[in-house]
Amino acid sequence: MPYPVISARVVSISIYISKPKHIPSTMSSYGSAVSPQSYVGFDTITRQIERRLLKRGFQFNIMLVGQSGLGKTSLVNTLFANHVVDSQGRKSPEEPLARTPEITTTSQTIVENDVTLKLTVIDTPGYGDQVNNEKCWEPLVKYVKDQHSIYLRKELTAQREKHFEDTRVHCVLFFVQPTGHGLKPLDIVVLKKLSELANVVPVIAKSDSLTLPERDMFKRRLQQEFTQHRLHLYPYDSDEHTPEEQQLTEQVRAILPFAIVGSETMEEIDGRVVPVRRNKWGVVNVSNEDHCEFPHLKAFLISTNMQDLIETTAQVHYEGFRSRQLLALKESSAPKKK
């Protein structure tokens, strides 16, 4: 699928070389580390890798899950500071509430400071919109599994491509209605199903409809329900985390779910052009931490954890899927005992 190019100036993408998930036991035979007596030059390998990565670009796939009218596409456009996907929302009270008829993908190429990001936004049907919502999560689960299957088939091809397109879902943004009453039973089922297959990050949509005390109480109630129902949400614990990384993870968990506001309306406030939502009682500055937690979500998803989301998808969710598929294939091909 062709990627139209968009130049971005606001999104910050960090490039770093991740530490290995495990160190082979053969490394112990090398003994203790020594320093060369003169300059060798292998310290430039990180710059060599960076040049290759910059040339190839990065792929990031994000899925939006939530009921219709919660501002899912507006939030993505606010996150990436450009109109990357068309909104299904109403422009006036007279328009009917539009629903996404089927799962659709929109791909864009965003370029910032010579870093190329190939972004794919997966818009999903507004689950829970119908009178009968039985098994309404099945198209979402099937899509995530299908992308794992496509990637696995490409890996197992005898003459596979050197760099094939990665369509696996790296992040699922789950939009919770700002009701103030906690999760619905349907929300709990969908969160359980999706968190087994992908990195799920919950957000409270249109949080400006709640007062600050209501928002804080709602967040505490949701956090209690996440714990009660044992929902395995991103970010995860890891033995490989440094104390600083573990502390950051705990800080993010204390904030989840992010109470966010999205808007593509730009206005100048204090000399800066920022996204805003204008109401009769005042203006919500989306970039102001005192108004909503959009800045925290943006920094978390893009500036600090984008690479970890990609790696966790490959090394945890996809690896588990791959292992199960190969074991099932081995069992089905094994000769049956008479």
Protein backbone atom coordinates (compact mmCIF):
# COMPACT_ATOMS: atom_id res chain seq x y z
CA MET A 1 0.00 0.00 0.00
CA PRO A 2 1.55 3.38 -1.00
CA TYR A 3 2.40 5.76 1.82
CA PRO A 4 1.72 9.47 1.16
CA VAL A 5 4.48 11.57 2.68
CA ILE A 6 3.73 14.10 5.41
CA SER A 7 6.33 16.41 6.91
CA ALA A 8 5.93 16.65 10.67
CA ARG A 9 7.52 19.13 13.01
CA VAL A 10 6.05 18.31 16.40
CA VAL A 11 6.39 14.56 16.84
CA SER A 12 9.59 13.51 18.61
CA ILE A 13 10.98 10.08 17.78
CA SER A 14 13.97 8.71 19.67
CA ILE A 15 16.32 6.23 18.01
CA TYR A 16 18.32 3.97 20.23
CA ILE A 17 19.93 0.59 20.08
CA SER A 18 18.06 -1.70 22.44
CA LYS A 19 19.90 -4.01 24.76
CA PRO A 20 19.63 -7.71 23.96
CA LYS A 21 16.83 -9.60 25.66
CA HIS A 22 19.25 -12.33 26.74
CA ILE A 23 22.98 -12.96 26.59
CA PRO A 24 24.05 -16.34 25.19
CA SER A 25 25.91 -18.58 27.60
CA THR A 26 28.86 -18.69 25.18
CA MET A 27 29.62 -15.07 26.09
CA SER A 28 30.95 -16.22 29.45
CA SER A 29 33.94 -17.86 27.68
CA TYR A 30 35.26 -14.43 26.63
CA GLY A 31 36.37 -13.62 30.14
CA SER A 32 36.52 -10.11 31.59
CA ALA A 33 36.39 -7.02 29.38
CA VAL A 34 39.62 -5.35 28.30
CA SER A 35 40.37 -1.98 26.72
CA PRO A 36 42.45 -1.69 23.51
CA GLN A 37 45.80 0.07 23.90
CA SER A 38 45.09 2.23 20.86
CA TYR A 39 41.97 3.39 19.04
CA VAL A 40 40.29 0.57 17.08
CA GLY A 41 37.10 2.23 15.83
CA PHE A 42 34.35 -0.27 16.58
CA ASP A 43 32.68 2.30 18.82
CA THR A 44 31.21 3.75 15.59
CA ILE A 45 29.02 0.67 15.08
CA THR A 46 26.03 2.40 16.70
CA ARG A 47 26.30 5.25 14.16
CA GLN A 48 26.56 2.68 11.34
CA ILE A 49 23.38 0.99 12.57
CA GLU A 50 21.66 4.36 12.96
CA ARG A 51 22.45 5.31 9.36
CA ARG A 52 20.94 2.05 8.10
CA LEU A 53 17.84 2.49 10.24
CA LEU A 54 17.39 6.07 9.05
CA LYS A 55 17.64 4.91 5.45
CA ARG A 56 15.15 2.07 5.97
CA GLY A 57 12.70 3.99 8.16
CA PHE A 58 10.44 2.68 10.92
CA GLN A 59 7.04 1.01 10.86
CA PHE A 60 4.46 1.65 13.56
CA ASN A 61 0.91 0.21 13.52
CA ILE A 62 -1.72 1.46 15.93
CA MET A 63 -5.26 0.12 16.36
CA LEU A 64 -8.14 2.24 17.68
CA VAL A 65 -10.85 0.42 19.65
CA GLY A 66 -13.90 2.02 21.19
CA GLN A 67 -17.49 2.98 20.64
CA SER A 68 -18.47 5.44 17.94
CA GLY A 69 -18.25 9.13 18.72
CA LEU A 70 -15.38 8.97 21.23
CA GLY A 71 -12.92 10.94 19.08
CA LYS A 72 -10.62 8.05 18.13
CA THR A 73 -9.38 9.41 14.82
CA SER A 74 -9.22 12.97 16.16
CA LEU A 75 -6.84 11.79 18.89
CA VAL A 76 -4.49 10.12 16.37
CA ASN A 77 -4.44 13.26 14.24
CA THR A 78 -3.60 15.26 17.37
CA LEU A 79 -0.88 12.79 18.38
CA PHE A 80 0.94 13.05 15.06
CA ALA A 81 0.26 16.77 14.54
CA ASN A 82 -1.28 16.30 11.11
CA HIS A 83 -4.39 14.98 9.41
CA VAL A 84 -3.28 11.37 8.96
CA VAL A 85 -6.72 9.73 8.99
CA ASP A 86 -10.24 10.93 8.18
CA SER A 87 -12.64 11.27 11.07
CA GLN A 88 -16.01 9.51 11.13
CA GLY A 89 -17.38 12.04 13.60
CA ARG A 90 -20.31 14.37 13.02
CA LYS A 91 -19.69 17.94 11.93
CA SER A 92 -23.13 19.19 13.02
CA PRO A 93 -25.99 17.96 15.26
CA GLU A 94 -28.13 17.28 12.18
CA GLU A 95 -25.75 14.62 10.81
CA PRO A 96 -26.41 10.99 11.78
CA LEU A 97 -23.82 9.20 13.90
CA ALA A 98 -21.55 7.51 11.36
CA ARG A 99 -20.01 4.14 12.12
CA THR A 100 -17.00 2.53 10.51
CA PRO A 101 -18.61 -0.28 8.48
CA GLU A 102 -15.54 -2.51 8.54
CA ILE A 103 -11.93 -2.56 9.73
CA THR A 104 -10.01 -0.10 7.59
CA THR A 105 -6.31 0.79 7.48
CA THR A 106 -4.83 4.14 6.57
CA SER A 107 -1.09 4.45 5.93
CA GLN A 108 0.99 7.62 5.91
CA THR A 109 4.70 8.37 5.82
CA ILE A 110 5.75 11.04 8.32
CA VAL A 111 9.20 12.61 8.02
CA GLU A 112 10.75 14.51 10.91
CA ASN A 113 14.40 15.58 11.13
CA ASP A 114 15.41 12.95 8.51
CA VAL A 115 13.62 10.19 10.45
CA THR A 116 10.98 8.38 8.37
CA LEU A 117 8.03 6.81 10.17
CA LYS A 118 5.62 4.62 8.21
CA LEU A 119 2.45 4.92 10.24
CA THR A 120 -0.58 2.65 9.80
CA VAL A 121 -3.80 3.46 11.66
CA ILE A 122 -6.29 0.60 11.98
CA ASP A 123 -9.79 1.96 12.50
CA THR A 124 -12.24 -0.62 13.85
CA PRO A 125 -16.02 -0.91 13.92
CA GLY A 126 -17.58 0.88 16.84
CA TYR A 127 -17.97 -2.16 19.02
CA GLY A 128 -20.89 -2.05 21.40
CA ASP A 129 -22.97 0.20 19.12
CA GLN A 130 -25.52 -2.46 18.23
CA VAL A 131 -28.44 -3.79 20.26
CA ASN A 132 -26.94 -7.28 20.17
CA ASN A 133 -23.21 -7.06 20.93
CA GLU A 134 -22.60 -10.78 21.28
CA LYS A 135 -19.09 -11.65 20.05
CA CYS A 136 -18.63 -8.15 18.62
CA TRP A 137 -14.94 -8.41 19.51
CA GLU A 138 -14.28 -11.30 17.14
CA PRO A 139 -13.37 -9.10 14.09
CA LEU A 140 -10.80 -7.26 16.23
CA VAL A 141 -9.20 -10.45 17.57
CA LYS A 142 -9.24 -12.02 14.11
CA TYR A 143 -7.48 -9.02 12.59
CA VAL A 144 -4.64 -9.11 15.15
CA LYS A 145 -4.19 -12.87 14.69
CA ASP A 146 -4.32 -12.55 10.90
CA GLN A 147 -1.41 -10.09 10.94
CA HIS A 148 0.64 -12.53 13.03
CA SER A 149 -0.22 -15.29 10.56
CA ILE A 150 0.79 -13.17 7.56
CA TYR A 151 4.13 -12.35 9.18
CA LEU A 152 4.73 -16.01 10.07
CA ARG A 153 4.05 -17.13 6.50
CA LYS A 154 6.53 -14.55 5.22
CA GLU A 155 9.14 -15.81 7.69
CA LEU A 156 8.66 -19.44 6.66
CA THR A 157 8.85 -18.76 2.92
CA ALA A 158 11.81 -20.51 1.31
CA GLN A 159 12.89 -17.36 -0.57
CA ARG A 160 11.70 -14.61 1.71
CA GLU A 161 12.28 -10.91 1.20
CA LYS A 162 15.16 -9.23 2.97
CA HIS A 163 12.89 -6.64 4.61
CA PHE A 164 9.20 -7.42 4.39
CA GLU A 165 6.42 -5.14 5.57
CA ASP A 166 5.43 -5.52 9.20
CA THR A 167 1.64 -5.27 9.60
CA ARG A 168 1.51 -6.61 13.17
CA VAL A 169 -0.41 -4.41 15.61
CA HIS A 170 2.13 -2.67 17.85
CA CYS A 171 -0.33 -0.80 20.05
CA VAL A 172 -4.06 -0.90 20.77
CA LEU A 173 -5.54 2.34 22.09
CA PHE A 174 -8.67 1.34 23.99
CA PHE A 175 -11.13 4.22 24.47
CA VAL A 176 -13.22 4.17 27.64
CA GLN A 177 -16.43 6.21 27.75
CA PRO A 178 -16.24 9.07 30.31
CA THR A 179 -19.28 7.85 32.24
CA GLY A 180 -17.73 7.96 35.70
CA HIS A 181 -19.28 4.55 36.50
CA GLY A 182 -16.43 2.16 35.66
CA LEU A 183 -16.01 -0.45 32.94
CA LYS A 184 -18.96 -2.15 31.30
CA PRO A 185 -18.97 -5.97 31.18
CA LEU A 186 -18.35 -5.75 27.44
CA ASP A 187 -15.26 -3.56 28.02
CA ILE A 188 -13.81 -6.16 30.39
CA VAL A 189 -14.29 -8.99 27.88
CA VAL A 190 -12.73 -7.02 25.01
CA LEU A 191 -9.78 -5.87 27.13
CA LYS A 192 -9.08 -9.46 28.20
CA LYS A 193 -9.24 -10.75 24.63
CA LEU A 194 -7.02 -8.03 23.14
CA SER A 195 -4.45 -7.87 25.96
CA GLU A 196 -3.61 -11.54 25.29
CA LEU A 197 -2.56 -10.64 21.74
CA ALA A 198 -1.27 -7.06 21.73
CA ASN A 199 -0.04 -4.11 23.80
CA VAL A 200 -3.21 -2.44 25.10
CA VAL A 201 -3.12 1.13 26.42
CA PRO A 202 -6.43 2.39 27.88
CA VAL A 203 -7.48 6.03 27.67
CA ILE A 204 -10.49 7.96 28.97
CA ALA A 205 -11.97 9.63 25.90
CA LYS A 206 -13.21 13.24 25.98
CA SER A 207 -12.15 13.65 29.58
CA ASP A 208 -13.09 17.36 29.52
CA SER A 209 -16.69 16.19 30.05
CA LEU A 210 -15.69 15.31 33.63
CA THR A 211 -14.73 17.69 36.42
CA LEU A 212 -11.25 17.17 37.87
CA PRO A 213 -12.57 15.46 41.05
CA GLU A 214 -14.84 13.25 38.91
CA ARG A 215 -11.93 12.39 36.64
CA ASP A 216 -9.66 11.42 39.53
CA MET A 217 -12.38 9.26 41.11
CA PHE A 218 -13.12 7.60 37.75
CA LYS A 219 -9.43 6.81 37.20
CA ARG A 220 -9.14 5.21 40.64
CA ARG A 221 -12.22 3.10 39.98
CA LEU A 222 -10.84 1.93 36.63
CA GLN A 223 -7.46 1.10 38.17
CA GLN A 224 -9.21 -1.01 40.80
CA GLU A 225 -11.14 -2.86 38.09
CA PHE A 226 -7.97 -3.44 36.05
CA THR A 227 -6.47 -5.13 39.12
CA GLN A 228 -9.64 -6.98 40.08
CA HIS A 229 -10.07 -8.54 36.62
CA ARG A 230 -6.32 -9.16 36.21
CA LEU A 231 -6.06 -7.25 32.95
CA HIS A 232 -2.53 -7.50 31.56
CA LEU A 233 -2.12 -3.98 30.19
CA TYR A 234 0.96 -2.26 28.80
CA PRO A 235 3.58 -1.40 30.09
CA TYR A 236 4.78 -4.73 31.48
CA ASP A 237 7.29 -5.63 34.16
CA SER A 238 10.63 -6.98 33.00
CA ASP A 239 13.67 -8.42 34.78
CA GLU A 240 15.82 -6.51 32.30
CA HIS A 241 14.55 -3.09 33.37
CA THR A 242 17.03 -0.81 35.08
CA PRO A 243 15.84 0.78 38.34
CA GLU A 244 15.14 3.98 36.39
CA GLU A 245 13.08 2.11 33.77
CA GLN A 246 11.13 0.25 36.46
CA GLN A 247 10.43 3.52 38.24
CA LEU A 248 9.14 5.03 34.98
CA THR A 249 6.90 1.99 34.46
CA GLU A 250 5.43 2.41 37.94
CA GLN A 251 4.83 6.11 37.29
CA VAL A 252 2.98 5.33 34.06
CA ARG A 253 0.87 2.69 35.78
CA ALA A 254 -0.13 5.26 38.40
CA ILE A 255 -1.44 7.50 35.59
CA LEU A 256 -3.27 4.83 33.55
CA PRO A 257 -5.75 5.22 32.02
CA PHE A 258 -4.71 8.50 30.42
CA ALA A 259 -7.49 11.11 30.62
CA ILE A 260 -7.18 12.68 27.18
CA VAL A 261 -8.70 15.28 24.90
CA GLY A 262 -8.07 15.44 21.16
CA SER A 263 -8.62 18.32 18.76
CA GLU A 264 -7.49 19.41 15.32
CA THR A 265 -8.50 23.03 15.97
CA MET A 266 -5.37 25.15 16.41
CA GLU A 267 -5.20 28.48 18.23
CA GLU A 268 -2.40 30.67 19.56
CA ILE A 269 -2.06 30.67 23.34
CA ASP A 270 0.80 32.48 25.07
CA GLY A 271 2.68 32.78 21.79
CA ARG A 272 2.35 29.06 20.86
CA VAL A 273 -0.03 27.51 18.35
CA VAL A 274 -1.62 24.55 20.14
CA PRO A 275 -4.63 22.23 19.67
CA VAL A 276 -7.65 23.44 21.64
CA ARG A 277 -11.29 22.67 22.36
CA ARG A 278 -13.37 25.81 22.81
CA ASN A 279 -16.42 25.63 25.08
CA LYS A 280 -18.85 28.20 26.44
CA TRP A 281 -17.08 28.13 29.78
CA GLY A 282 -13.56 28.46 28.34
CA VAL A 283 -10.82 26.87 26.24
CA VAL A 284 -9.23 23.47 26.82
CA ASN A 285 -5.54 23.59 25.88
CA VAL A 286 -4.83 20.00 24.83
CA SER A 287 -1.08 20.51 25.36
CA ASN A 288 -1.52 21.76 28.92
CA GLU A 289 -0.99 19.08 31.60
CA ASP A 290 -3.35 20.96 33.91
CA HIS A 291 -6.19 20.51 31.41
CA CYS A 292 -5.71 16.87 30.35
CA GLU A 293 -3.12 14.09 30.20
CA PHE A 294 -2.60 14.18 26.44
CA PRO A 295 1.05 15.38 26.85
CA HIS A 296 1.77 12.31 29.02
CA LEU A 297 0.19 9.96 26.48
CA LYS A 298 2.11 11.53 23.60
CA ALA A 299 5.45 11.33 25.41
CA PHE A 300 4.73 7.75 26.53
CA LEU A 301 3.67 6.38 23.13
CA ILE A 302 6.08 8.26 20.89
CA SER A 303 9.05 9.79 22.67
CA THR A 304 9.90 7.03 25.15
CA ASN A 305 8.12 3.75 24.37
CA MET A 306 7.56 3.48 20.62
CA GLN A 307 10.55 1.17 20.10
CA ASP A 308 9.61 -0.89 23.15
CA LEU A 309 6.07 -1.32 21.80
CA ILE A 310 7.51 -2.63 18.53
CA GLU A 311 9.96 -4.96 20.29
CA THR A 312 7.38 -6.26 22.76
CA THR A 313 5.03 -7.06 19.89
CA ALA A 314 7.77 -9.08 18.16
CA GLN A 315 9.38 -10.75 21.17
CA VAL A 316 6.37 -11.39 23.41
CA HIS A 317 3.04 -11.42 21.55
CA TYR A 318 4.22 -12.61 18.14
CA GLU A 319 6.73 -15.07 19.60
CA GLY A 320 3.99 -16.66 21.70
CA PHE A 321 1.72 -16.92 18.65
CA ARG A 322 4.55 -18.34 16.55
CA SER A 323 5.42 -20.98 19.16
CA ARG A 324 1.81 -22.11 19.44
CA GLN A 325 1.41 -22.36 15.67
CA LEU A 326 4.64 -24.32 15.14
CA LEU A 327 3.85 -26.70 18.00
CA ALA A 328 0.38 -27.31 16.56
CA LEU A 329 1.94 -27.91 13.13
CA LYS A 330 4.42 -30.37 14.63
CA GLU A 331 1.68 -32.27 16.46
CA SER A 332 -0.54 -32.47 13.37
CA SER A 333 2.31 -33.77 11.19
CA ALA A 334 3.55 -36.34 13.72
CA PRO A 335 2.72 -39.96 12.79
CA LYS A 336 -0.20 -41.26 14.79
CA LYS A 337 0.35 -44.30 16.97
CA LYS A 338 -1.59 -47.40 15.92
